[in-house]
Amino acid sequence: MQNNRLLPDEIKYFEKMLRIAEKRDVCLKIVEEKEKGRIFLVARDWPGLQDTVSTAIHERGFNILFFMGFVMEKGFAGIIAEIDLSDEEIREKFKKEKDFFKKYLPDIARFDPWMKGLIDSTASKLRIFREVLRILRREIRARKRIREIVLETEKFFSSRSWAYIGERRPEDIAQQILMQIELRKIVKEKGGIYVHIKNFQTTSEELTGILIAGPSRELFLDQVLDVLREILPDFRRKFEKVFTQDGVTVIRLEIQTPDEKWYPEEKHFLIERYLIEHLKLRRRKILSERLRVSPEIIGRVIIPSLIQEARNTQIPQVYFLLTGLTEESYHFKLLAVIPKRENGTYTDEIIKALEKDEGISVLSSKAPSFSYGYEVVIINFSASVRKFEGPEDVYKKLNEILREIIGNFRDFDQGLRIVEEMKFSQLEEKMAGSGIESHLLKRLYYSLDEFFRVQAEIDDLAVGFETLWKAIIASTQTHKFICDFKEGKKSSILVICGDNAEKLFELLLDEFRGKEISALRFDDLGLIAYLIFLSYNQKSVPLNELQKALKNICEKSSIEVQIPTQV
C-alpha cells in the first residue's frame, strides 16, 4: 500500500485492516495515546462516508485535531481521525465512549443500497439550497443582512424534508424565507399580529400559503387553526410549521379548498383581516351585541300565552328563545310554565340539571313566580358552539333534560323552529356562490329577531345579507364609510358600515319611530356594520323617505353620509 501522507505504522494498520474489511465490509481500530486518541477505519467507499464519520465524532462532543480520508484499492476507503486528549476530563470521556464508537462507527460506515436515495436527495437539497441563496443574493446586498438571511435559509432547509423542498420552486422558497424574516422584524419592532397570504404551485398541486407572525406569548398553532376554521370551515391542511425565536412566533400553513385548489386571491384580504382581528383579540365576539329581545314581548305576550295554554290543556308549556350568538356560544332564554309542586321549585332543579352538562352554562335566572297555581321559570343560559353544531342540537338536549324533570310538555315554539330551519335551508341554497360561508350565514340569520326571520321574504333576506357582506368587504379595503340601500318585496334594506355606524343607527331608530324595524349588528374585522330592514304595513319604505331621513340626520349631527341616490 503506497500513501505518502501516512506514517509507516499507519500504513501497517491500514494494510491489515483492508484484509479484514474485504471479508466484513468494514474494519475499525481505536488507539489511545498519551496526548491524543486515533481512530482508523476502512470501509467500502461511498459518497458522504467521510462527512458521516466526522459528524458522528463531533456529535459525541470531541474536537478533531486531524482528519484525512483517502481511496484504497478494490473500492475501499480509509479514514484516520485524531482527537485531542490533553485534557484529563476529555480523556476520561474518550475511554467511556470507546465502546460506543466500536459499535456505532462500523454501522454508519457500512454502505447499504437504500442509502443511495438519501445521498441523492441530500445532493439535490444542497443544489436547491445554493440556487435559493443565488436568488437571495440581490436581497442580501440590498438589505445588508447577509448573516441573517443565510442562517434563516439554513434553518429552513434543515427543518424540511426533501419531499417538501423538491416539490417547490426555488423562487417560492426564497420569497417565503424573506417574508418570514420581514414579519419577524416587524413584530419585534412594533408588536401585534401580521399575516401574509400567497398562492403557489408545486409539482403536483395548488396551495395557498399563509404566514402568521406575532408575540410568542400570544400566538399558538391550535388557536390559529380554530380561527381559520371559522372563516374557512372546510379547508384542507397540507403542511404546518411553527418557529419561535427571540420572543416571536412565526407559523407557516399551507392549505387547499375541499376540491384541492388554492383559495382565489380576491378572498385573501378577507382571510387576512379575519385572522388579524381574531388573533389580536383572541376571544372577541363575532356578533358582539346580544339580540334585542324585548322584555315587553316576553312579559306581556309570551308568558301570558304560556300560562293560558297551560290552564287550557293542563300540560306544562316550554318556550326556547335564542337570544344571541358569539364566537364561543349560543345564548338562550328558557321560559316555562309548570304546575306548582309542593316541595321545592322546578327552577332550582332545572338549573342543577343544566349545570351538569359540560356544554351548557347557566348565566342567570329569575326567582320563581307563581300564577294560577303554575310556576313561571325564566333561565338564561349559554351552550358551547364546540359541543353543539347548531341551535337545533341544543334544543334536542334541552328536551331530554326537561322531560326527565317535568315529564311530558308542549314545546310551544317547535313549529316556529321547524319553519326557521326550513327557511334557512332555502336561504342557504339561494345564496350558494355569494361568497358568504355557510356557518357565517347561519350566524347572521339567527341574529335577526325570531318573529321577523320567520315572516320575512327569502328574497329580502338574501338581498340584505349579500348587501351587508359587499359593504363589509368594501369598507375593509377602502377604510371608507359605506351606506347602501335596496328595495325588497316587503322591506326596504339599509346597510351602514364603518366609523360612526353605531351613532347613525341610534339616530335612524329615532328618525323612523313608528315604522317596523328589524336589525342585526356585525362587529368584526375591525369595523361595525348594521343591516336594517324597514317596513310600514308590510310594505317597503320609499327611497325618497329614506333620503330625507338621512339628510335630516346629517344636518343635525356631525356625521357625513354618502346618501344613496338610487336603488
Protein backbone atom coordinates (compact mmCIF):
# COMPACT_ATOMS: atom_id res chain seq x y z
CA MET A 1 0.00 0.00 0.00
CA GLN A 2 1.51 3.34 -1.11
CA ASN A 3 0.45 6.61 0.56
CA ASN A 4 2.93 9.41 1.15
CA ARG A 5 0.67 11.10 3.67
CA LEU A 6 0.65 8.18 6.10
CA LEU A 7 3.28 7.24 8.68
CA PRO A 8 4.84 3.73 8.46
CA ASP A 9 2.87 2.41 11.46
CA GLU A 10 -0.34 3.82 9.98
CA ILE A 11 0.33 2.07 6.67
CA LYS A 12 0.73 -1.23 8.55
CA TYR A 13 -2.60 -0.69 10.35
CA PHE A 14 -4.44 0.01 7.10
CA GLU A 15 -2.90 -2.94 5.19
CA LYS A 16 -4.02 -5.33 7.91
CA MET A 17 -7.43 -3.65 8.23
CA LEU A 18 -8.04 -3.83 4.47
CA ARG A 19 -7.72 -7.63 4.51
CA ILE A 20 -10.29 -7.81 7.33
CA ALA A 21 -12.61 -5.32 5.60
CA GLU A 22 -12.61 -7.38 2.41
CA LYS A 23 -14.38 -10.10 4.40
CA ARG A 24 -16.57 -7.91 6.67
CA ASP A 25 -17.07 -4.73 4.53
CA VAL A 26 -15.71 -2.58 7.37
CA CYS A 27 -12.91 -2.61 9.95
CA LEU A 28 -12.28 -0.21 12.85
CA LYS A 29 -9.28 0.26 15.16
CA ILE A 30 -9.09 2.76 18.06
CA VAL A 31 -5.72 3.64 19.60
CA GLU A 32 -5.41 5.68 22.79
CA GLU A 33 -2.10 7.54 23.19
CA LYS A 34 -0.87 9.97 25.85
CA GLU A 35 -1.96 13.24 24.17
CA LYS A 36 -4.39 12.01 21.54
CA GLY A 37 -6.74 9.29 20.52
CA ARG A 38 -6.60 7.90 16.99
CA ILE A 39 -9.43 6.27 15.05
CA PHE A 40 -8.64 4.16 11.98
CA LEU A 41 -11.44 2.98 9.73
CA VAL A 42 -11.61 1.05 6.46
CA ALA A 43 -14.91 0.61 4.63
CA ARG A 44 -16.29 0.29 1.14
CA ASP A 45 -16.17 3.75 -0.40
CA TRP A 46 -19.39 5.73 -0.95
CA PRO A 47 -20.19 9.46 -1.31
CA GLY A 48 -20.66 11.00 2.10
CA LEU A 49 -18.61 8.44 4.08
CA GLN A 50 -16.09 10.99 5.38
CA ASP A 51 -18.79 13.54 6.37
CA THR A 52 -20.78 10.84 8.14
CA VAL A 53 -17.83 9.67 10.26
CA SER A 54 -16.57 13.16 11.17
CA THR A 55 -20.11 14.28 12.10
CA ALA A 56 -20.56 11.23 14.35
CA ILE A 57 -17.35 12.08 16.25
CA HIS A 58 -18.34 15.74 16.64
CA GLU A 59 -21.80 14.78 17.87
CA ARG A 60 -20.23 12.89 20.80
CA GLY A 61 -18.57 16.13 21.92
CA PHE A 62 -14.98 15.67 20.67
CA ASN A 63 -12.77 18.16 18.80
CA ILE A 64 -10.92 16.64 15.82
CA LEU A 65 -7.26 17.66 15.59
CA PHE A 66 -6.65 15.93 12.28
CA PHE A 67 -8.90 14.15 9.78
CA MET A 68 -7.98 12.53 6.49
CA GLY A 69 -9.76 10.26 4.06
CA PHE A 70 -8.24 8.52 1.05
CA VAL A 71 -9.10 5.96 -1.62
CA MET A 72 -7.71 2.44 -1.25
CA GLU A 73 -7.68 -0.47 -3.67
CA LYS A 74 -10.65 -2.75 -4.52
CA GLY A 75 -13.23 0.04 -3.92
CA PHE A 76 -12.38 0.65 -0.29
CA ALA A 77 -11.61 3.94 1.51
CA GLY A 78 -9.50 4.65 4.58
CA ILE A 79 -10.12 7.26 7.26
CA ILE A 80 -7.90 8.45 10.09
CA ALA A 81 -9.11 10.85 12.79
CA GLU A 82 -7.11 12.26 15.69
CA ILE A 83 -8.78 13.60 18.84
CA ASP A 84 -7.10 15.89 21.38
CA LEU A 85 -6.86 14.10 24.77
CA SER A 86 -4.58 16.58 26.57
CA ASP A 87 -7.44 17.45 28.94
CA GLU A 88 -7.99 14.83 31.66
CA GLU A 89 -11.77 15.20 31.53
CA ILE A 90 -11.81 14.63 27.76
CA ARG A 91 -9.51 11.62 28.18
CA GLU A 92 -11.96 10.02 30.63
CA LYS A 93 -14.83 10.78 28.29
CA PHE A 94 -12.95 9.15 25.39
CA LYS A 95 -12.42 5.98 27.44
CA LYS A 96 -16.12 5.78 28.19
CA GLU A 97 -17.10 6.41 24.56
CA LYS A 98 -14.72 3.83 23.03
CA ASP A 99 -17.27 1.01 23.27
CA PHE A 100 -19.89 3.23 21.65
CA PHE A 101 -17.55 4.08 18.76
CA LYS A 102 -16.65 0.42 18.26
CA LYS A 103 -20.30 -0.45 17.79
CA TYR A 104 -21.63 2.72 16.15
CA LEU A 105 -18.93 3.76 13.63
CA PRO A 106 -18.85 0.45 11.72
CA ASP A 107 -22.66 0.56 11.47
CA ILE A 108 -22.82 4.03 9.95
CA ALA A 109 -19.79 3.42 7.71
CA ARG A 110 -21.27 0.30 6.13
CA PHE A 111 -22.98 1.14 2.82
CA ASP A 112 -26.48 -0.17 2.04
CA PRO A 113 -28.29 0.25 -1.30
CA TRP A 114 -31.15 2.19 0.35
CA MET A 115 -28.66 4.92 1.24
CA LYS A 116 -28.32 5.90 -2.41
CA GLY A 117 -31.68 7.66 -2.39
CA LEU A 118 -30.73 9.54 0.77
CA ILE A 119 -27.40 10.58 -0.73
CA ASP A 120 -29.04 11.68 -3.97
CA SER A 121 -31.70 13.67 -2.10
CA THR A 122 -29.06 15.36 0.05
CA ALA A 123 -27.15 16.38 -3.06
CA SER A 124 -30.33 17.72 -4.69
CA LYS A 125 -31.26 19.54 -1.49
CA LEU A 126 -27.81 21.18 -1.48
CA ARG A 127 -28.21 22.18 -5.14
CA ILE A 128 -31.56 23.87 -4.43
CA PHE A 129 -30.09 25.49 -1.29
CA ARG A 130 -27.38 27.12 -3.40
CA GLU A 131 -29.92 28.17 -6.02
CA VAL A 132 -32.11 29.82 -3.36
CA LEU A 133 -29.09 31.68 -2.00
CA ARG A 134 -28.28 32.91 -5.52
CA ILE A 135 -31.84 34.24 -5.82
CA LEU A 136 -31.49 35.90 -2.43
CA ARG A 137 -28.12 37.47 -3.29
CA ARG A 138 -29.71 40.65 -4.61
CA GLU A 139 -31.76 40.95 -1.43
CA ILE A 140 -28.69 40.23 0.70
CA ARG A 141 -26.81 43.10 -0.92
CA ALA A 142 -29.75 45.48 -0.70
CA ARG A 143 -30.64 44.76 2.91
CA LYS A 144 -27.10 44.31 4.25
CA ARG A 145 -28.33 41.38 6.31
CA ILE A 146 -26.16 38.60 4.88
CA ARG A 147 -25.75 36.56 8.05
CA GLU A 148 -29.44 36.74 8.99
CA ILE A 149 -30.64 35.57 5.58
CA VAL A 150 -28.07 32.77 5.29
CA LEU A 151 -28.93 31.50 8.79
CA GLU A 152 -32.66 31.67 8.03
CA THR A 153 -32.09 29.71 4.82
CA GLU A 154 -30.05 27.07 6.65
CA LYS A 155 -32.80 26.65 9.28
CA PHE A 156 -35.43 26.43 6.56
CA PHE A 157 -33.65 23.62 4.71
CA SER A 158 -32.63 21.69 7.81
CA SER A 159 -36.23 21.63 9.10
CA ARG A 160 -37.85 20.48 5.83
CA SER A 161 -37.87 17.10 4.18
CA TRP A 162 -36.61 16.51 0.67
CA ALA A 163 -40.20 15.75 -0.37
CA TYR A 164 -41.18 19.28 0.68
CA ILE A 165 -38.22 21.11 -0.88
CA GLY A 166 -38.11 19.06 -4.07
CA GLU A 167 -41.71 19.92 -4.98
CA ARG A 168 -41.33 23.71 -4.65
CA ARG A 169 -39.73 26.25 -6.95
CA PRO A 170 -36.58 27.92 -5.57
CA GLU A 171 -38.23 31.31 -6.25
CA ASP A 172 -41.17 30.42 -3.98
CA ILE A 173 -38.85 29.17 -1.23
CA ALA A 174 -36.77 32.37 -1.41
CA GLN A 175 -39.90 34.54 -1.19
CA GLN A 176 -41.13 32.58 1.84
CA ILE A 177 -37.78 32.94 3.64
CA LEU A 178 -37.67 36.71 3.04
CA MET A 179 -41.25 37.15 4.24
CA GLN A 180 -40.54 35.17 7.44
CA ILE A 181 -37.61 37.49 8.18
CA GLU A 182 -39.67 40.59 7.39
CA LEU A 183 -42.64 39.60 9.54
CA ARG A 184 -40.40 38.67 12.47
CA LYS A 185 -38.66 42.05 12.21
CA ILE A 186 -41.97 43.97 12.20
CA VAL A 187 -43.29 42.07 15.25
CA LYS A 188 -40.06 42.72 17.19
CA GLU A 189 -40.23 46.44 16.39
CA LYS A 190 -43.98 47.10 16.65
CA GLY A 191 -45.65 44.08 18.27
CA GLY A 192 -49.05 42.87 17.08
CA ILE A 193 -50.19 40.13 14.69
CA TYR A 194 -49.23 40.13 10.99
CA VAL A 195 -50.40 37.87 8.17
CA HIS A 196 -49.17 37.27 4.62
CA ILE A 197 -51.05 35.08 2.12
CA LYS A 198 -49.85 33.92 -1.31
CA ASN A 199 -50.87 31.18 -3.74
CA PHE A 200 -48.22 28.95 -5.29
CA GLN A 201 -47.96 25.86 -7.46
CA THR A 202 -45.93 22.78 -6.51
CA THR A 203 -45.05 19.99 -8.93
CA SER A 204 -48.31 18.24 -8.09
CA GLU A 205 -50.88 20.66 -6.63
CA GLU A 206 -52.16 24.19 -6.00
CA LEU A 207 -51.70 25.57 -2.48
CA THR A 208 -52.43 28.73 -0.52
CA GLY A 209 -49.53 29.63 1.76
CA ILE A 210 -50.21 31.59 4.95
CA LEU A 211 -47.55 33.12 7.23
CA ILE A 212 -48.69 34.42 10.62
CA ALA A 213 -46.29 36.20 12.97
CA GLY A 214 -46.83 37.56 16.47
CA PRO A 215 -45.51 37.62 20.05
CA SER A 216 -44.85 34.05 21.19
CA ARG A 217 -46.91 34.50 24.38
CA GLU A 218 -49.99 35.37 22.26
CA LEU A 219 -49.74 33.17 19.17
CA PHE A 220 -50.35 29.40 19.13
CA LEU A 221 -50.98 26.94 16.30
CA ASP A 222 -54.20 25.45 17.70
CA GLN A 223 -55.59 28.94 18.19
CA VAL A 224 -54.75 29.88 14.57
CA LEU A 225 -56.41 26.72 13.24
CA ASP A 226 -59.56 27.37 15.30
CA VAL A 227 -59.88 30.93 13.98
CA LEU A 228 -59.16 29.84 10.40
CA ARG A 229 -61.93 27.23 10.61
CA GLU A 230 -64.40 29.99 11.43
CA ILE A 231 -63.81 31.72 8.10
CA LEU A 232 -62.87 28.56 6.10
CA PRO A 233 -64.64 25.67 7.86
CA ASP A 234 -63.73 23.04 5.24
CA PHE A 235 -60.11 23.89 4.44
CA ARG A 236 -57.63 21.04 3.93
CA ARG A 237 -54.37 21.16 5.91
CA LYS A 238 -51.37 20.19 3.78
CA PHE A 239 -48.41 21.50 5.81
CA GLU A 240 -47.74 23.37 9.03
CA LYS A 241 -44.60 24.55 10.82
CA VAL A 242 -44.04 26.67 13.94
CA PHE A 243 -40.84 28.67 14.62
CA THR A 244 -40.16 30.62 17.80
CA GLN A 245 -37.15 32.92 18.10
CA ASP A 246 -36.40 36.00 20.22
CA GLY A 247 -39.94 36.08 21.62
CA VAL A 248 -41.57 35.99 18.16
CA THR A 249 -43.53 33.04 16.76
CA VAL A 250 -43.92 32.53 13.01
CA ILE A 251 -46.46 29.94 11.85
CA ARG A 252 -46.47 28.59 8.30
CA LEU A 253 -49.65 26.97 6.99
CA GLU A 254 -50.28 25.59 3.52
CA ILE A 255 -53.92 24.82 2.77
CA GLN A 256 -56.38 23.94 -0.01
CA THR A 257 -60.08 24.20 -0.72
CA PRO A 258 -62.15 21.00 -0.27
CA ASP A 259 -61.78 20.36 -4.03
CA GLU A 260 -57.97 20.57 -3.75
CA LYS A 261 -57.48 24.02 -5.26
CA TRP A 262 -55.91 27.18 -3.87
CA TYR A 263 -58.17 29.88 -2.46
CA PRO A 264 -58.84 32.68 -5.00
CA GLU A 265 -56.81 35.85 -4.49
CA GLU A 266 -59.90 38.01 -4.05
CA LYS A 267 -60.59 36.07 -0.84
CA HIS A 268 -57.10 36.61 0.61
CA PHE A 269 -57.79 40.06 2.02
CA LEU A 270 -60.84 38.85 3.92
CA ILE A 271 -58.93 35.85 5.35
CA GLU A 272 -56.05 38.12 6.35
CA ARG A 273 -58.28 40.65 8.13
CA TYR A 274 -60.25 37.92 9.90
CA LEU A 275 -57.10 36.24 11.20
CA ILE A 276 -55.56 39.51 12.38
CA GLU A 277 -58.68 40.71 14.18
CA HIS A 278 -59.50 37.42 15.88
CA LEU A 279 -55.94 36.54 16.85
CA LYS A 280 -55.37 40.06 18.14
CA LEU A 281 -58.46 39.93 20.35
CA ARG A 282 -58.36 36.18 20.90
CA ARG A 283 -61.83 35.87 22.43
CA ARG A 284 -63.57 38.62 20.52
CA LYS A 285 -67.21 38.02 19.73
CA ILE A 286 -68.21 37.56 16.12
CA LEU A 287 -71.52 39.26 16.77
CA SER A 288 -70.84 41.18 19.94
CA GLU A 289 -74.29 42.53 20.68
CA ARG A 290 -76.95 40.26 22.11
CA LEU A 291 -80.08 40.03 20.05
CA ARG A 292 -82.65 42.57 21.14
CA VAL A 293 -85.48 40.57 22.66
CA SER A 294 -87.96 43.00 24.10
CA PRO A 295 -88.79 42.31 27.78
CA GLU A 296 -92.19 43.73 26.91
CA ILE A 297 -92.84 40.92 24.41
CA ILE A 298 -91.75 38.31 26.95
CA GLY A 299 -93.75 39.76 29.86
CA ARG A 300 -96.86 40.87 28.02
CA VAL A 301 -97.17 38.35 25.19
CA ILE A 302 -95.17 35.13 25.55
CA ILE A 303 -95.57 34.31 29.26
CA PRO A 304 -99.32 35.14 29.41
CA SER A 305 -99.79 32.92 26.33
CA LEU A 306 -97.91 30.08 28.01
CA ILE A 307 -99.99 30.41 31.19
CA GLN A 308 -103.26 30.48 29.24
CA GLU A 309 -102.27 27.42 27.17
CA ALA A 310 -101.17 25.51 30.30
CA ARG A 311 -104.51 26.24 32.01
CA ASN A 312 -106.48 25.16 28.93
CA THR A 313 -104.57 21.92 28.29
CA GLN A 314 -103.25 21.03 31.77
CA ILE A 315 -99.91 20.38 30.04
CA PRO A 316 -96.67 22.20 31.01
CA GLN A 317 -95.62 24.75 28.36
CA VAL A 318 -91.98 25.46 27.40
CA TYR A 319 -90.58 28.17 25.12
CA PHE A 320 -86.93 28.20 23.98
CA LEU A 321 -85.76 31.62 22.81
CA LEU A 322 -82.40 32.06 21.02
CA THR A 323 -81.19 35.47 22.20
CA GLY A 324 -77.64 35.76 20.89
CA LEU A 325 -74.56 34.30 19.25
CA THR A 326 -70.88 34.77 19.96
CA GLU A 327 -67.73 33.12 18.69
CA GLU A 328 -67.93 30.57 21.50
CA SER A 329 -71.59 30.25 22.45
CA TYR A 330 -75.28 30.26 21.63
CA HIS A 331 -77.30 32.25 24.17
CA PHE A 332 -80.83 31.18 25.12
CA LYS A 333 -83.69 32.18 27.35
CA LEU A 334 -85.74 29.29 28.70
CA LEU A 335 -89.35 30.18 29.54
CA ALA A 336 -91.60 27.56 31.12
CA VAL A 337 -94.96 27.37 32.86
CA ILE A 338 -95.28 24.24 35.03
CA PRO A 339 -97.86 23.17 37.65
CA LYS A 340 -96.66 24.25 41.09
CA ARG A 341 -95.09 21.46 43.19
CA GLU A 342 -95.45 21.07 46.94
CA ASN A 343 -91.75 20.92 47.83
CA GLY A 344 -89.04 23.00 46.19
CA THR A 345 -89.18 24.63 42.78
CA TYR A 346 -88.69 23.43 39.24
CA THR A 347 -86.42 26.42 38.62
CA ASP A 348 -83.77 25.11 41.05
CA GLU A 349 -83.95 21.55 39.72
CA ILE A 350 -83.68 22.64 36.08
CA ILE A 351 -80.67 24.85 36.87
CA LYS A 352 -78.89 21.91 38.58
CA ALA A 353 -79.61 19.64 35.60
CA LEU A 354 -78.36 22.21 33.08
CA GLU A 355 -75.15 22.79 35.04
CA LYS A 356 -74.33 19.07 34.94
CA ASP A 357 -73.92 19.20 31.17
CA GLU A 358 -70.36 20.22 30.19
CA GLY A 359 -71.54 22.14 27.12
CA ILE A 360 -74.11 24.29 28.95
CA SER A 361 -73.59 27.18 31.39
CA VAL A 362 -76.35 28.89 33.39
CA LEU A 363 -75.87 32.66 33.18
CA SER A 364 -78.75 33.95 35.30
CA SER A 365 -82.29 33.18 36.42
CA LYS A 366 -85.30 34.93 37.84
CA ALA A 367 -86.67 33.95 41.21
CA PRO A 368 -89.66 31.68 40.58
CA SER A 369 -93.01 33.46 40.39
CA PHE A 370 -96.44 31.82 40.60
CA SER A 371 -99.69 32.45 38.77
CA TYR A 372 -102.94 30.47 38.84
CA GLY A 373 -101.16 27.55 40.53
CA TYR A 374 -98.33 27.49 38.00
CA GLU A 375 -94.61 28.16 38.46
CA VAL A 376 -93.11 30.55 35.90
CA VAL A 377 -89.49 29.60 35.05
CA ILE A 378 -87.11 32.08 33.41
CA ILE A 379 -83.48 30.95 32.96
CA ASN A 380 -80.76 32.47 30.79
CA PHE A 381 -78.00 30.06 29.68
CA SER A 382 -75.35 29.55 27.04
CA ALA A 383 -74.38 26.47 25.02
CA SER A 384 -70.93 25.81 23.58
CA VAL A 385 -70.53 26.09 19.81
CA ARG A 386 -67.81 23.41 20.05
CA LYS A 387 -70.20 20.84 21.52
CA PHE A 388 -73.38 21.79 19.66
CA GLU A 389 -73.12 22.24 15.91
CA GLY A 390 -76.32 24.30 15.66
CA PRO A 391 -79.19 25.65 17.78
CA GLU A 392 -81.34 22.66 16.83
CA ASP A 393 -78.82 20.36 18.60
CA VAL A 394 -79.20 22.44 21.76
CA TYR A 395 -83.00 22.12 21.54
CA LYS A 396 -82.71 18.31 21.40
CA LYS A 397 -80.53 18.26 24.52
CA LEU A 398 -82.88 20.60 26.39
CA ASN A 399 -85.81 18.39 25.53
CA GLU A 400 -84.01 15.39 27.05
CA ILE A 401 -83.16 17.29 30.26
CA LEU A 402 -86.63 18.78 30.77
CA ARG A 403 -88.57 15.57 30.07
CA GLU A 404 -86.62 13.84 32.85
CA ILE A 405 -87.70 16.58 35.29
CA ILE A 406 -91.24 17.58 34.32
CA GLY A 407 -92.33 14.68 32.15
CA ASN A 408 -94.43 15.38 29.08
CA PHE A 409 -94.66 19.03 27.97
CA ARG A 410 -95.55 21.07 24.96
CA ASP A 411 -92.65 22.66 23.08
CA PHE A 412 -94.53 25.90 22.44
CA ASP A 413 -92.35 27.24 19.62
CA GLN A 414 -91.38 23.95 17.97
CA GLY A 415 -93.46 24.70 14.90
CA LEU A 416 -91.79 28.09 14.62
CA ARG A 417 -88.35 26.49 14.76
CA ILE A 418 -89.22 23.98 12.06
CA VAL A 419 -90.24 26.88 9.83
CA GLU A 420 -86.98 28.66 10.73
CA GLU A 421 -84.86 25.66 9.78
CA MET A 422 -86.73 25.16 6.50
CA LYS A 423 -86.33 28.84 5.66
CA PHE A 424 -82.60 28.77 6.42
CA SER A 425 -82.13 25.76 4.12
CA GLN A 426 -83.88 27.67 1.32
CA LEU A 427 -81.81 30.77 2.05
CA GLU A 428 -78.56 28.76 2.04
CA GLU A 429 -79.47 27.24 -1.33
CA LYS A 430 -80.38 30.62 -2.80
CA MET A 431 -77.14 32.24 -1.61
CA ALA A 432 -74.78 29.49 -2.79
CA GLY A 433 -71.88 31.20 -4.54
CA SER A 434 -72.47 34.55 -2.82
CA GLY A 435 -69.12 34.38 -1.02
CA ILE A 436 -70.66 34.10 2.46
CA GLU A 437 -69.61 30.88 4.22
CA SER A 438 -72.49 28.71 5.46
CA HIS A 439 -71.53 28.98 9.15
CA LEU A 440 -71.40 32.80 8.94
CA LEU A 441 -74.70 32.95 7.05
CA LYS A 442 -76.27 30.89 9.85
CA ARG A 443 -74.98 33.31 12.49
CA LEU A 444 -76.30 36.29 10.58
CA TYR A 445 -79.68 34.62 10.06
CA TYR A 446 -80.13 33.68 13.71
CA SER A 447 -79.08 37.16 14.78
CA LEU A 448 -82.30 38.57 13.41
CA ASP A 449 -85.42 38.81 15.56
CA GLU A 450 -87.11 35.40 15.73
CA PHE A 451 -90.50 36.63 14.56
CA PHE A 452 -89.02 38.69 11.75
CA ARG A 453 -86.89 35.90 10.28
CA VAL A 454 -89.89 33.57 10.15
CA GLN A 455 -92.11 36.13 8.40
CA ALA A 456 -89.50 37.77 6.12
CA GLU A 457 -89.30 37.01 2.42
CA ILE A 458 -86.40 34.75 1.42
CA ASP A 459 -85.51 37.19 -1.37
CA ASP A 460 -85.37 40.12 1.08
CA LEU A 461 -83.09 38.20 3.45
CA ALA A 462 -80.78 37.15 0.60
CA VAL A 463 -80.51 40.71 -0.73
CA GLY A 464 -79.90 42.04 2.78
CA PHE A 465 -77.11 39.60 3.66
CA GLU A 466 -75.42 39.99 0.29
CA THR A 467 -75.56 43.81 0.51
CA LEU A 468 -74.15 43.67 4.05
CA TRP A 469 -71.27 41.41 3.02
CA LYS A 470 -70.33 43.54 -0.01
CA ALA A 471 -70.32 46.65 2.19
CA ILE A 472 -68.10 44.93 4.78
CA ILE A 473 -65.55 43.90 2.16
CA ALA A 474 -65.60 47.35 0.51
CA SER A 475 -65.16 49.13 3.85
CA THR A 476 -62.27 46.91 4.99
CA GLN A 477 -60.47 47.53 1.70
CA THR A 478 -61.10 51.27 1.32
CA HIS A 479 -61.47 52.27 5.01
CA LYS A 480 -64.45 54.39 3.92
CA PHE A 481 -67.93 54.64 5.42
CA ILE A 482 -70.40 52.66 3.30
CA CYS A 483 -74.12 53.33 3.10
CA ASP A 484 -76.24 51.25 0.72
CA PHE A 485 -79.96 50.89 0.07
CA LYS A 486 -82.02 48.16 -1.63
CA GLU A 487 -85.75 47.85 -2.09
CA GLY A 488 -87.14 44.41 -1.22
CA LYS A 489 -90.54 42.82 -1.65
CA LYS A 490 -91.82 43.59 1.86
CA SER A 491 -88.96 45.61 3.36
CA SER A 492 -86.52 48.33 2.45
CA ILE A 493 -82.96 47.24 3.16
CA LEU A 494 -80.38 49.68 4.53
CA VAL A 495 -76.75 48.83 5.28
CA ILE A 496 -74.37 51.16 7.13
CA CYS A 497 -70.78 50.17 7.70
CA GLY A 498 -67.69 51.85 9.18
CA ASP A 499 -66.91 54.66 11.63
CA ASN A 500 -70.00 56.32 13.21
CA ALA A 501 -72.22 53.34 12.27
CA GLU A 502 -73.35 52.99 15.91
CA LYS A 503 -74.27 56.65 16.26
CA LEU A 504 -76.05 56.71 12.90
CA PHE A 505 -78.03 53.59 13.80
CA GLU A 506 -79.36 55.14 17.01
CA LEU A 507 -80.36 58.30 15.12
CA LEU A 508 -82.09 56.20 12.45
CA LEU A 509 -84.15 54.46 15.16
CA ASP A 510 -85.38 57.88 16.31
CA GLU A 511 -86.00 59.06 12.75
CA PHE A 512 -88.07 56.00 11.83
CA ARG A 513 -90.02 55.74 15.07
CA GLY A 514 -93.40 54.23 14.21
CA LYS A 515 -92.02 52.11 11.37
CA GLU A 516 -91.38 48.37 11.65
CA ILE A 517 -87.64 47.87 12.15
CA SER A 518 -85.60 44.70 12.44
CA ALA A 519 -81.81 44.91 12.51
CA LEU A 520 -78.65 43.00 13.22
CA ARG A 521 -75.25 44.31 14.19
CA PHE A 522 -71.97 42.91 12.82
CA ASP A 523 -68.93 43.72 14.97
CA ASP A 524 -65.87 42.12 13.46
CA LEU A 525 -62.87 42.58 11.11
CA GLY A 526 -62.13 45.86 12.87
CA LEU A 527 -65.41 47.53 11.93
CA ILE A 528 -69.08 47.77 12.90
CA ALA A 529 -71.91 47.34 10.42
CA TYR A 530 -75.71 47.24 10.64
CA LEU A 531 -78.22 45.52 8.39
CA ILE A 532 -81.60 47.21 8.79
CA PHE A 533 -84.95 46.06 7.41
CA LEU A 534 -87.57 48.87 7.30
CA SER A 535 -91.25 48.46 6.51
CA TYR A 536 -94.64 50.04 7.16
CA ASN A 537 -97.78 47.90 6.96
CA GLN A 538 -95.67 45.13 5.35
CA LYS A 539 -94.54 47.46 2.56
CA SER A 540 -91.07 48.81 1.93
CA VAL A 541 -90.21 52.41 2.86
CA PRO A 542 -89.72 54.52 -0.32
CA LEU A 543 -86.20 55.68 -1.23
CA ASN A 544 -87.16 59.38 -1.08
CA GLU A 545 -88.29 58.93 2.54
CA LEU A 546 -85.00 57.27 3.43
CA GLN A 547 -83.02 60.01 1.67
CA LYS A 548 -84.96 62.65 3.60
CA ALA A 549 -84.27 60.90 6.94
CA LEU A 550 -80.54 60.61 6.22
CA LYS A 551 -80.41 64.25 5.16
CA ASN A 552 -82.06 65.32 8.43
CA ILE A 553 -79.56 63.27 10.43
CA CYS A 554 -76.59 64.80 8.59
CA GLU A 555 -77.91 68.32 9.22
CA LYS A 556 -78.47 67.70 12.93
CA SER A 557 -75.20 65.85 13.60
CA SER A 558 -71.58 65.88 12.50
CA ILE A 559 -71.98 62.59 10.66
CA GLU A 560 -71.24 62.69 6.94
CA VAL A 561 -73.05 60.11 4.82
CA GLN A 562 -72.96 59.49 1.09
CA ILE A 563 -76.74 59.28 0.67
CA PRO A 564 -77.86 56.66 -1.89
CA THR A 565 -79.38 58.36 -4.93
CA GLN A 566 -80.89 55.26 -6.49
CA VAL A 567 -81.81 51.70 -5.65
